[in-house]
Structures are given as C-alpha cells and as structure tokens.
C-alpha atoms as a PDB file:
ATOM      1  CA  MET A   1      85.771 105.947  85.290  1.00  0.00           C
ATOM      2  CA  CYS A   2      88.526 104.007  87.406  1.00  0.00           C
ATOM      3  CA  ARG A   3      87.883 102.654  90.825  1.00  0.00           C
ATOM      4  CA  ALA A   4      90.480 100.018  91.116  1.00  0.00           C
ATOM      5  CA  PHE A   5      93.891  99.038  89.580  1.00  0.00           C
ATOM      6  CA  ALA A   6      96.802  97.100  89.844  1.00  0.00           C
ATOM      7  CA  ALA A   7     100.238  98.412  90.675  1.00  0.00           C
ATOM      8  CA  ASP A   8     102.645  95.839  90.946  1.00  0.00           C
ATOM      9  CA  LEU A   9     105.866  97.883  90.361  1.00  0.00           C
ATOM     10  CA  ASP A  10     109.240  98.387  91.448  1.00  0.00           C
ATOM     11  CA  TRP A  11     109.222 101.883  92.771  1.00  0.00           C
ATOM     12  CA  ASP A  12     113.137 102.372  91.950  1.00  0.00           C
ATOM     13  CA  ASP A  13     112.376 101.686  88.338  1.00  0.00           C
ATOM     14  CA  VAL A  14     109.409 103.907  88.406  1.00  0.00           C
ATOM     15  CA  ALA A  15     111.524 106.621  89.694  1.00  0.00           C
ATOM     16  CA  THR A  16     114.187 105.864  87.183  1.00  0.00           C
ATOM     17  CA  HIS A  17     111.781 106.316  84.395  1.00  0.00           C
ATOM     18  CA  PHE A  18     110.251 109.843  85.609  1.00  0.00           C
ATOM     19  CA  GLY A  19     113.755 111.198  86.312  1.00  0.00           C
ATOM     20  CA  VAL A  20     112.795 111.092  90.155  1.00  0.00           C
ATOM     21  CA  SER A  21     115.477 111.950  93.025  1.00  0.00           C
ATOM     22  CA  ALA A  22     115.487 109.266  95.807  1.00  0.00           C
ATOM     23  CA  ILE A  23     115.401 111.553  98.880  1.00  0.00           C
ATOM     24  CA  ASP A  24     115.226 109.744 102.233  1.00  0.00           C
ATOM     25  CA  ASN A  25     112.566 111.906 103.567  1.00  0.00           C
ATOM     26  CA  GLU A  26     109.279 110.744 104.778  1.00  0.00           C
ATOM     27  CA  ASN A  27     108.111 114.000 105.801  1.00  0.00           C
ATOM     28  CA  VAL A  28     106.415 116.885 103.806  1.00  0.00           C
ATOM     29  CA  ALA A  29     108.817 119.850 103.840  1.00  0.00           C
ATOM     30  CA  ALA A  30     107.900 123.625 105.006  1.00  0.00           C
ATOM     31  CA  ASP A  31     106.900 124.441 101.206  1.00  0.00           C
ATOM     32  CA  ASN A  32     105.241 121.629 100.643  1.00  0.00           C
ATOM     33  CA  THR A  33     108.076 120.078  98.362  1.00  0.00           C
ATOM     34  CA  ILE A  34     107.354 116.173  97.572  1.00  0.00           C
ATOM     35  CA  HIS A  35     110.064 113.761  98.340  1.00  0.00           C
ATOM     36  CA  HIS A  36     110.401 109.787  97.077  1.00  0.00           C
ATOM     37  CA  SER A  37     111.053 107.576 100.028  1.00  0.00           C
ATOM     38  CA  ALA A  38     110.704 103.770  99.443  1.00  0.00           C
ATOM     39  CA  ALA A  39     109.749 103.493 103.276  1.00  0.00           C
ATOM     40  CA  ALA A  40     106.748 105.678 102.708  1.00  0.00           C
ATOM     41  CA  LEU A  41     105.232 104.111  99.219  1.00  0.00           C
ATOM     42  CA  PRO A  42     102.598 101.593  99.346  1.00  0.00           C
ATOM     43  CA  SER A  43     103.315  97.992  98.767  1.00  0.00           C
ATOM     44  CA  PRO A  44     102.622  96.456  95.563  1.00  0.00           C
ATOM     45  CA  THR A  45      99.342  95.676  94.942  1.00  0.00           C
ATOM     46  CA  PHE A  46      96.829  93.964  92.286  1.00  0.00           C
ATOM     47  CA  HIS A  47      93.512  95.979  93.983  1.00  0.00           C
ATOM     48  CA  ALA A  48      94.312  99.460  94.840  1.00  0.00           C
ATOM     49  CA  THR A  49      90.894 101.119  95.867  1.00  0.00           C
ATOM     50  CA  PRO A  50      89.777 104.800  96.542  1.00  0.00           C
ATOM     51  CA  LYS A  51      90.206 106.402 100.123  1.00  0.00           C
ATOM     52  CA  THR A  52      93.568 104.199 100.222  1.00  0.00           C
ATOM     53  CA  ASP A  53      97.190 105.312  99.619  1.00  0.00           C
ATOM     54  CA  ILE A  54      98.665 104.964  96.444  1.00  0.00           C
ATOM     55  CA  ALA A  55     101.764 106.229  94.869  1.00  0.00           C
ATOM     56  CA  ILE A  56     102.057 109.313  92.488  1.00  0.00           C
ATOM     57  CA  VAL A  57     104.573 110.930  90.757  1.00  0.00           C
ATOM     58  CA  ALA A  58     104.247 114.733  90.855  1.00  0.00           C
ATOM     59  CA  GLY A  59     105.791 117.900  89.760  1.00  0.00           C
ATOM     60  CA  ASP A  60     106.591 120.309  92.688  1.00  0.00           C
ATOM     61  CA  PRO A  61     106.353 124.355  92.428  1.00  0.00           C
ATOM     62  CA  HIS A  62     110.363 124.129  91.722  1.00  0.00           C
ATOM     63  CA  GLY A  63     109.942 121.676  88.590  1.00  0.00           C
ATOM     64  CA  ARG A  64     111.220 118.436  90.527  1.00  0.00           C
ATOM     65  CA  ARG A  65     109.637 115.649  89.801  1.00  0.00           C
ATOM     66  CA  HIS A  66     108.835 113.298  93.003  1.00  0.00           C
ATOM     67  CA  LEU A  67     107.306 109.700  94.003  1.00  0.00           C
ATOM     68  CA  ARG A  68     105.057 109.540  96.956  1.00  0.00           C
ATOM     69  CA  ALA A  69     102.140 107.969  98.416  1.00  0.00           C
ATOM     70  CA  ALA A  70      98.854 109.880  97.950  1.00  0.00           C
ATOM     71  CA  TYR A  71      95.309 109.613  99.522  1.00  0.00           C
ATOM     72  CA  TRP A  72      93.358 108.150  96.489  1.00  0.00           C
ATOM     73  CA  SER A  73      90.695 110.858  96.608  1.00  0.00           C
ATOM     74  CA  LEU A  74      91.416 114.509  95.815  1.00  0.00           C
ATOM     75  CA  ILE A  75      90.357 116.790  98.698  1.00  0.00           C
ATOM     76  CA  PRO A  76      90.259 120.538  97.615  1.00  0.00           C
ATOM     77  CA  ARG A  77      92.240 122.828 100.244  1.00  0.00           C
ATOM     78  CA  SER A  78      88.768 124.639 101.293  1.00  0.00           C
ATOM     79  CA  ALA A  79      87.304 121.353 102.346  1.00  0.00           C
ATOM     80  CA  GLN A  80      86.392 121.246 106.166  1.00  0.00           C
ATOM     81  CA  THR A  81      86.798 117.464 106.183  1.00  0.00           C
ATOM     82  CA  ILE A  82      88.339 114.594 104.258  1.00  0.00           C
ATOM     83  CA  ASP A  83      84.921 112.821 104.001  1.00  0.00           C
ATOM     84  CA  LEU A  84      83.252 114.734 101.065  1.00  0.00           C
ATOM     85  CA  ARG A  85      79.433 114.513 100.055  1.00  0.00           C
ATOM     86  CA  TYR A  86      80.917 113.573  96.335  1.00  0.00           C
ATOM     87  CA  PRO A  87      83.401 111.304  95.229  1.00  0.00           C
ATOM     88  CA  THR A  88      86.691 112.743  93.932  1.00  0.00           C
ATOM     89  CA  TYR A  89      88.894 109.539  93.044  1.00  0.00           C
ATOM     90  CA  ASN A  90      88.140 110.423  89.463  1.00  0.00           C
ATOM     91  CA  ALA A  91      87.756 114.047  87.705  1.00  0.00           C
ATOM     92  CA  ARG A  92      86.707 114.410  84.283  1.00  0.00           C
ATOM     93  CA  ILE A  93      89.605 115.872  81.974  1.00  0.00           C
ATOM     94  CA  GLU A  94      86.845 117.830  79.858  1.00  0.00           C
ATOM     95  CA  THR A  95      85.702 119.684  82.676  1.00  0.00           C
ATOM     96  CA  ALA A  96      88.666 119.713  85.358  1.00  0.00           C
ATOM     97  CA  ALA A  97      89.949 123.072  84.574  1.00  0.00           C
ATOM     98  CA  SER A  98      86.773 124.749  85.247  1.00  0.00           C
ATOM     99  CA  LYS A  99      85.380 123.049  88.202  1.00  0.00           C
ATOM    100  CA  PRO A 100      86.041 124.493  91.491  1.00  0.00           C
ATOM    101  CA  THR A 101      87.433 121.365  93.024  1.00  0.00           C
ATOM    102  CA  TYR A 102      90.019 120.644  90.356  1.00  0.00           C
ATOM    103  CA  ALA A 103      90.641 123.738  88.801  1.00  0.00           C
ATOM    104  CA  PRO A 104      93.561 124.917  91.010  1.00  0.00           C
ATOM    105  CA  SER A 105      95.257 121.581  91.039  1.00  0.00           C
ATOM    106  CA  SER A 106      94.873 121.708  87.092  1.00  0.00           C
ATOM    107  CA  VAL A 107      96.865 124.803  86.642  1.00  0.00           C
ATOM    108  CA  SER A 108     100.063 123.811  88.539  1.00  0.00           C
ATOM    109  CA  MET A 109      99.574 120.406  90.288  1.00  0.00           C
ATOM    110  CA  ARG A 110      99.322 117.875  87.823  1.00  0.00           C
ATOM    111  CA  ALA A 111     100.658 113.984  88.499  1.00  0.00           C
ATOM    112  CA  ALA A 112     100.806 110.725  86.916  1.00  0.00           C
ATOM    113  CA  ILE A 113      99.667 107.321  88.712  1.00  0.00           C
ATOM    114  CA  PRO A 114     101.733 104.398  88.074  1.00  0.00           C
ATOM    115  CA  SER A 115     100.128 101.303  87.190  1.00  0.00           C
ATOM    116  CA  SER A 116     100.314  97.970  85.524  1.00  0.00           C
ATOM    117  CA  GLY A 117      96.743  97.867  84.536  1.00  0.00           C
ATOM    118  CA  TYR A 118      93.654  98.881  85.655  1.00  0.00           C
ATOM    119  CA  TYR A 119      89.884  97.621  85.666  1.00  0.00           C
ATOM    120  CA  GLU A 120      86.424  98.531  84.547  1.00  0.00           C
ATOM    121  CA  PHE A 121      83.201  97.113  85.166  1.00  0.00           C
ATOM    122  CA  LYS A 122      80.411  95.916  82.768  1.00  0.00           C
ATOM    123  CA  GLY A 123      77.569  95.594  85.265  1.00  0.00           C
ATOM    124  CA  GLU A 124      79.236  93.611  87.934  1.00  0.00           C
ATOM    125  CA  HIS A 125      81.459  91.748  85.775  1.00  0.00           C
ATOM    126  CA  PRO A 126      85.422  93.262  86.094  1.00  0.00           C
ATOM    127  CA  PHE A 127      87.752  93.716  82.831  1.00  0.00           C
ATOM    128  CA  TYR A 128      91.259  94.103  83.521  1.00  0.00           C
ATOM    129  CA  PHE A 129      93.090  96.694  80.666  1.00  0.00           C
ATOM    130  CA  HIS A 130      96.849  96.413  80.395  1.00  0.00           C
ATOM    131  CA  PHE A 131      99.876  96.910  77.837  1.00  0.00           C
ATOM    132  CA  PRO A 132     100.098  93.629  75.741  1.00  0.00           C
ATOM    133  CA  ASP A 133     103.795  93.532  76.852  1.00  0.00           C
ATOM    134  CA  ASP A 134     102.906  94.263  80.411  1.00  0.00           C
ATOM    135  CA  ALA A 135     104.871  97.742  80.464  1.00  0.00           C
ATOM    136  CA  PRO A 136     103.592 100.141  82.875  1.00  0.00           C
ATOM    137  CA  LEU A 137     100.974 102.526  82.003  1.00  0.00           C
ATOM    138  CA  PHE A 138     100.793 105.922  83.672  1.00  0.00           C
ATOM    139  CA  MET A 139      97.482 107.631  84.386  1.00  0.00           C
ATOM    140  CA  ALA A 140      97.059 111.370  84.366  1.00  0.00           C
ATOM    141  CA  GLY A 141      96.033 112.949  87.987  1.00  0.00           C
ATOM    142  CA  LEU A 142      96.097 115.952  89.427  1.00  0.00           C
ATOM    143  CA  TYR A 143      96.802 116.220  93.606  1.00  0.00           C
ATOM    144  CA  SER A 144      96.311 118.747  96.095  1.00  0.00           C
ATOM    145  CA  TRP A 145      97.579 119.354  99.904  1.00  0.00           C
ATOM    146  CA  TRP A 146      94.897 119.247 102.273  1.00  0.00           C
ATOM    147  CA  ARG A 147      94.739 119.586 106.273  1.00  0.00           C
ATOM    148  CA  ALA A 148      91.931 119.365 108.844  1.00  0.00           C
ATOM    149  CA  ASN A 149      93.391 122.547 110.436  1.00  0.00           C
ATOM    150  CA  ALA A 150      96.493 124.830 111.192  1.00  0.00           C
ATOM    151  CA  HIS A 151      97.584 121.943 113.926  1.00  0.00           C
ATOM    152  CA  SER A 152      97.091 118.994 111.709  1.00  0.00           C
ATOM    153  CA  PRO A 153     100.133 117.872 109.282  1.00  0.00           C
ATOM    154  CA  TRP A 154      99.369 118.317 105.382  1.00  0.00           C
ATOM    155  CA  ARG A 155      98.233 115.554 103.870  1.00  0.00           C
ATOM    156  CA  LEU A 156      98.716 114.568  99.901  1.00  0.00           C
ATOM    157  CA  THR A 157      95.793 113.639  97.882  1.00  0.00           C
ATOM    158  CA  ALA A 158      95.161 112.660  94.257  1.00  0.00           C
ATOM    159  CA  THR A 159      92.394 112.012  91.595  1.00  0.00           C
ATOM    160  CA  ILE A 160      92.733 110.061  88.352  1.00  0.00           C
ATOM    161  CA  LEU A 161      91.519 112.028  85.011  1.00  0.00           C
ATOM    162  CA  THR A 162      89.248 110.199  83.172  1.00  0.00           C
ATOM    163  CA  ARG A 163      87.932 110.606  79.305  1.00  0.00           C
ATOM    164  CA  ASP A 164      85.338 108.998  77.198  1.00  0.00           C
ATOM    165  CA  ALA A 165      85.925 105.350  76.302  1.00  0.00           C
ATOM    166  CA  VAL A 166      87.389 104.716  72.841  1.00  0.00           C
ATOM    167  CA  GLY A 167      86.695 101.541  70.449  1.00  0.00           C
ATOM    168  CA  ALA A 168      86.019  98.192  71.895  1.00  0.00           C
ATOM    169  CA  LEU A 169      86.589  99.840  75.626  1.00  0.00           C
ATOM    170  CA  ALA A 170      83.337 101.570  75.132  1.00  0.00           C
ATOM    171  CA  SER A 171      81.530  97.924  75.273  1.00  0.00           C
ATOM    172  CA  VAL A 172      82.458  97.781  78.869  1.00  0.00           C
ATOM    173  CA  HIS A 173      82.265 101.391  80.186  1.00  0.00           C
ATOM    174  CA  ASN A 174      81.736 104.381  78.916  1.00  0.00           C
ATOM    175  CA  ARG A 175      85.040 106.134  80.606  1.00  0.00           C
ATOM    176  CA  MET A 176      88.349 105.419  81.021  1.00  0.00           C
ATOM    177  CA  PRO A 177      91.631 106.665  82.706  1.00  0.00           C
ATOM    178  CA  VAL A 178      93.735 109.461  80.555  1.00  0.00           C
ATOM    179  CA  LEU A 179      97.032 107.694  79.610  1.00  0.00           C
ATOM    180  CA  LEU A 180     100.068 109.631  79.407  1.00  0.00           C
ATOM    181  CA  PRO A 181     102.477 109.043  76.841  1.00  0.00           C
ATOM    182  CA  ASP A 182     106.284 109.497  77.644  1.00  0.00           C
ATOM    183  CA  ASP A 183     106.700 112.388  75.018  1.00  0.00           C
ATOM    184  CA  MET A 184     104.240 114.523  76.938  1.00  0.00           C
ATOM    185  CA  LEU A 185     105.563 114.129  80.593  1.00  0.00           C
ATOM    186  CA  ASP A 186     107.670 117.490  80.482  1.00  0.00           C
ATOM    187  CA  THR A 187     104.633 119.432  79.441  1.00  0.00           C
ATOM    188  CA  TRP A 188     102.568 117.562  82.046  1.00  0.00           C
ATOM    189  CA  PHE A 189     104.808 118.310  84.751  1.00  0.00           C
ATOM    190  CA  ALA A 190     105.611 121.825  84.220  1.00  0.00           C
ATOM    191  CA  PRO A 191     105.497 123.728  87.510  1.00  0.00           C
ATOM    192  CA  ARG A 192     102.523 126.073  85.759  1.00  0.00           C
ATOM    193  CA  THR A 193     100.713 126.104  82.635  1.00  0.00           C
ATOM    194  CA  ALA A 194     102.319 128.744  80.320  1.00  0.00           C
ATOM    195  CA  GLY A 195     100.811 132.000  80.615  1.00  0.00           C
ATOM    196  CA  ASP A 196      99.793 131.091  84.353  1.00  0.00           C
ATOM    197  CA  ASP A 197     100.042 134.206  86.746  1.00  0.00           C
ATOM    198  CA  ALA A 198      98.141 132.526  89.377  1.00  0.00           C
ATOM    199  CA  GLY A 199      99.763 131.350  92.836  1.00  0.00           C
ATOM    200  CA  THR A 200     100.194 127.749  93.184  1.00  0.00           C
ATOM    201  CA  HIS A 201      97.391 127.741  95.977  1.00  0.00           C
ATOM    202  CA  ALA A 202      95.002 129.965  94.239  1.00  0.00           C
ATOM    203  CA  ASP A 203      91.335 129.022  94.567  1.00  0.00           C
ATOM    204  CA  ALA A 204      89.125 128.561  91.284  1.00  0.00           C
ATOM    205  CA  ALA A 205      87.629 132.224  91.516  1.00  0.00           C
ATOM    206  CA  SER A 206      90.880 134.100  91.383  1.00  0.00           C
ATOM    207  CA  LEU A 207      92.598 131.894  88.030  1.00  0.00           C
ATOM    208  CA  SER A 208      93.201 134.135  85.517  1.00  0.00           C
ATOM    209  CA  ALA A 209      91.792 133.659  81.992  1.00  0.00           C
ATOM    210  CA  THR A 210      94.803 133.320  80.369  1.00  0.00           C
ATOM    211  CA  ALA A 211      95.815 130.590  83.007  1.00  0.00           C
ATOM    212  CA  ASN A 212      92.514 128.561  82.505  1.00  0.00           C
ATOM    213  CA  ASP A 213      92.875 128.994  78.872  1.00  0.00           C
ATOM    214  CA  ALA A 214      96.384 127.040  78.949  1.00  0.00           C
ATOM    215  CA  THR A 215      95.171 124.846  81.373  1.00  0.00           C
ATOM    216  CA  ALA A 216      92.186 123.680  79.196  1.00  0.00           C
ATOM    217  CA  SER A 217      94.510 123.505  76.297  1.00  0.00           C
ATOM    218  CA  LEU A 218      96.617 120.996  78.004  1.00  0.00           C
ATOM    219  CA  LEU A 219      93.987 118.875  79.351  1.00  0.00           C
ATOM    220  CA  ALA A 220      92.681 118.801  75.706  1.00  0.00           C
ATOM    221  CA  ALA A 221      95.983 117.763  74.725  1.00  0.00           C
ATOM    222  CA  ALA A 222      96.513 114.926  77.213  1.00  0.00           C
ATOM    223  CA  ASN A 223      92.782 113.862  76.787  1.00  0.00           C
ATOM    224  CA  ASP A 224      93.724 113.415  72.600  1.00  0.00           C
ATOM    225  CA  ALA A 225      97.015 111.834  73.610  1.00  0.00           C
ATOM    226  CA  GLY A 226      95.408 109.333  76.073  1.00  0.00           C
ATOM    227  CA  GLY A 227      92.708 108.409  73.635  1.00  0.00           C
ATOM    228  CA  LYS A 228      95.513 107.193  71.049  1.00  0.00           C
ATOM    229  CA  LEU A 229      97.668 105.829  73.351  1.00  0.00           C
ATOM    230  CA  SER A 230      94.733 103.466  74.748  1.00  0.00           C
ATOM    231  CA  GLN A 231      94.499 102.157  71.657  1.00  0.00           C
ATOM    232  CA  ARG A 232      97.393  99.769  72.023  1.00  0.00           C
ATOM    233  CA  LEU A 233      95.723  98.081  75.240  1.00  0.00           C
ATOM    234  CA  ALA A 234      95.035  94.837  75.530  1.00  0.00           C
ATOM    235  CA  PHE A 235      91.847  93.604  77.926  1.00  0.00           C
ATOM    236  CA  HIS A 236      90.145  90.513  79.405  1.00  0.00           C
ATOM    237  CA  GLU A 237      87.698  89.267  81.871  1.00  0.00           C
ATOM    238  CA  VAL A 238      88.695  88.505  85.122  1.00  0.00           C
ATOM    239  CA  ALA A 239      86.893  87.091  88.518  1.00  0.00           C
ATOM    240  CA  PRO A 240      85.021  89.020  90.928  1.00  0.00           C
ATOM    241  CA  LEU A 241      87.841  91.539  92.632  1.00  0.00           C
ATOM    242  CA  ARG A 242      88.248  90.055  96.103  1.00  0.00           C
ATOM    243  CA  GLY A 243      91.222  90.241  98.413  1.00  0.00           C
ATOM    244  CA  ASP A 244      94.530  90.951  96.654  1.00  0.00           C
ATOM    245  CA  GLY A 245      97.171  89.137  94.413  1.00  0.00           C
ATOM    246  CA  PRO A 246      98.059  88.274  91.068  1.00  0.00           C
ATOM    247  CA  GLN A 247      95.162  86.012  90.670  1.00  0.00           C
ATOM    248  CA  LEU A 248      92.987  89.011  90.346  1.00  0.00           C
ATOM    249  CA  ILE A 249      94.365  89.546  86.900  1.00  0.00           C
ATOM    250  CA  GLU A 250      94.063  86.231  85.474  1.00  0.00           C
ATOM    251  CA  PRO A 251      91.618  85.818  82.476  1.00  0.00           C
ATOM    252  CA  VAL A 252      88.315  83.991  83.301  1.00  0.00           C
ATOM    253  CA  PRO A 253      88.760  80.419  81.381  1.00  0.00           C
ATOM    254  CA  ASN A 254      85.648  80.689  79.547  1.00  0.00           C
ATOM    255  CA  TRP A 255      85.554  84.240  78.311  1.00  0.00           C
ATOM    256  CA  HIS A 256      86.410  84.129  74.394  1.00  0.00           C
ATOM    257  CA  GLN A 257      86.243  87.601  73.350  1.00  0.00           C
ATOM    258  CA  GLY A 258      88.890  89.616  71.151  1.00  0.00           C
ATOM    259  CA  GLN A 259      92.615  89.806  72.938  1.00  0.00           C
ATOM    260  CA  ASN A 260      93.155  93.657  71.761  1.00  0.00           C
ATOM    261  CA  LEU A 261      90.736  96.454  71.872  1.00  0.00           C
ATOM    262  CA  PHE A 262      91.165  97.141  68.198  1.00  0.00           C
ATOM    263  CA  ASP A 263      91.682  93.611  66.546  1.00  0.00           C
END
C-alpha cells in the first residue's frame, strides 16, 4: 500500500518530462479536459496523504497529457458522497479491471502520480523508498471525475495502483506502488485500451469483454514492469512522520541495514 509520499518536484520539469502543454486554465472545460496550471498545483511536499490534493499527470479523451491537482482517493462517478465507506487511495492492480469502483477508469482514465519517493510502514516504523540518484519516480494511477449533484462543479479524483512487494521491500510491507517506466508511458496514456468499444464514462457493467481483456492485459504488463523497475530502489528507515519538510526523509542514525533492496 502507499498512504504517504514525498513530492519535492518542479512541476515545470514534470510537465516537460511528460510532454504536457502548460495551459493557463484552472477550470475544467465542458468536456472534462484536464489542463496544466502551476497556480492550481499543490506546493512541493514531503508528506502527501490521502484525501488531500496531489499532482497527477493524466491522459484526456483526446490523447493529450495534462498535469493537474486531484483529490487523493478515487470517487466513482456513481457515488452519492465523497466520504466513501471504504478507502480508495490505493487500488490493487491485479483486480482493478474487474472492480466496479475502478474498472471504468482502468479502461480510459489512467494516470501517473509524480513523486520523489514514498513511504511504507513496518508496524509503526516508516521507511522511505527512492531512486539512489533521487530521480523522480512515477506511480501508476487511475482517475475519475465526480460531483455531488448536477449543480456542483466536477472534481478530479485519483488513486495509486499497488502490487505485491518484491525482494527486500517485502520485509517492510507486502504491497508497494506500481512504478511506470518511461518506455511504457505512450501505452499507459493512450485514450482507450486497444479494442475498447466502451464510452469514456461507461459503468463497469457495460464494459465489453474485449475492453476488459485488453485492459487486464495492459495492467498485467504494468504490474510486471513496475516490479522490475522497483529493483532499482534504495530505502532507509525514517523518524515518525510528523509535519512536513526535508527532515522527514532523513535516515534514522542508528539504522544499519542495507541501502539497496537487492544488494
């Protein structure tokens, strides 16, 4: 699982990396197109938590990539309230294509969540996972548009996909975020999965068998690629996560275990 991460990033650099168009528009267009606006994005943080705004990169129905703030907990279009009875800040990639909450987003509303590193917990003890060179990492996610009623504005919401932990990471926690390699981004952000004949806002029951099969295949490929990419991660124990700031990712001085997951 992933319930906290750091995003000490320059959003202009992230936009350039993903080929995002910097459109100065904080409002959602009539067709729910996502736009990048630096003013609308959250401030850099070392302690992003569920049910707050995070930055996501998402592909819109026209095949464009955009960077925008989103509420970190995916709210399905059919929900009557934003306060769901179950947590949706993470979704298992193994079952996302078949779960009613996530299936429509899996088909055509996939995202990446930029991060400088993330935390996992072993009991009450947090550990920080990051690339050894501190390069940004991009967690696979899904997004959805939600509003309380016809008179309310649309709200962008998102979840982070997780998979079984690999190698030494499994000694800290049994789940981990799915990381997206750069060579998979074009496929991941495609407006629709190959073979999809379902509408962008279709519900899970109306998704065709072909769309479900193609989506499941894509998620399986991302699952495998994410497991391999995670083998590059370094990790260390940190102090309890209180407040915000770079001190949160500093190693606990008396922790002497390995610096790399697969040494």
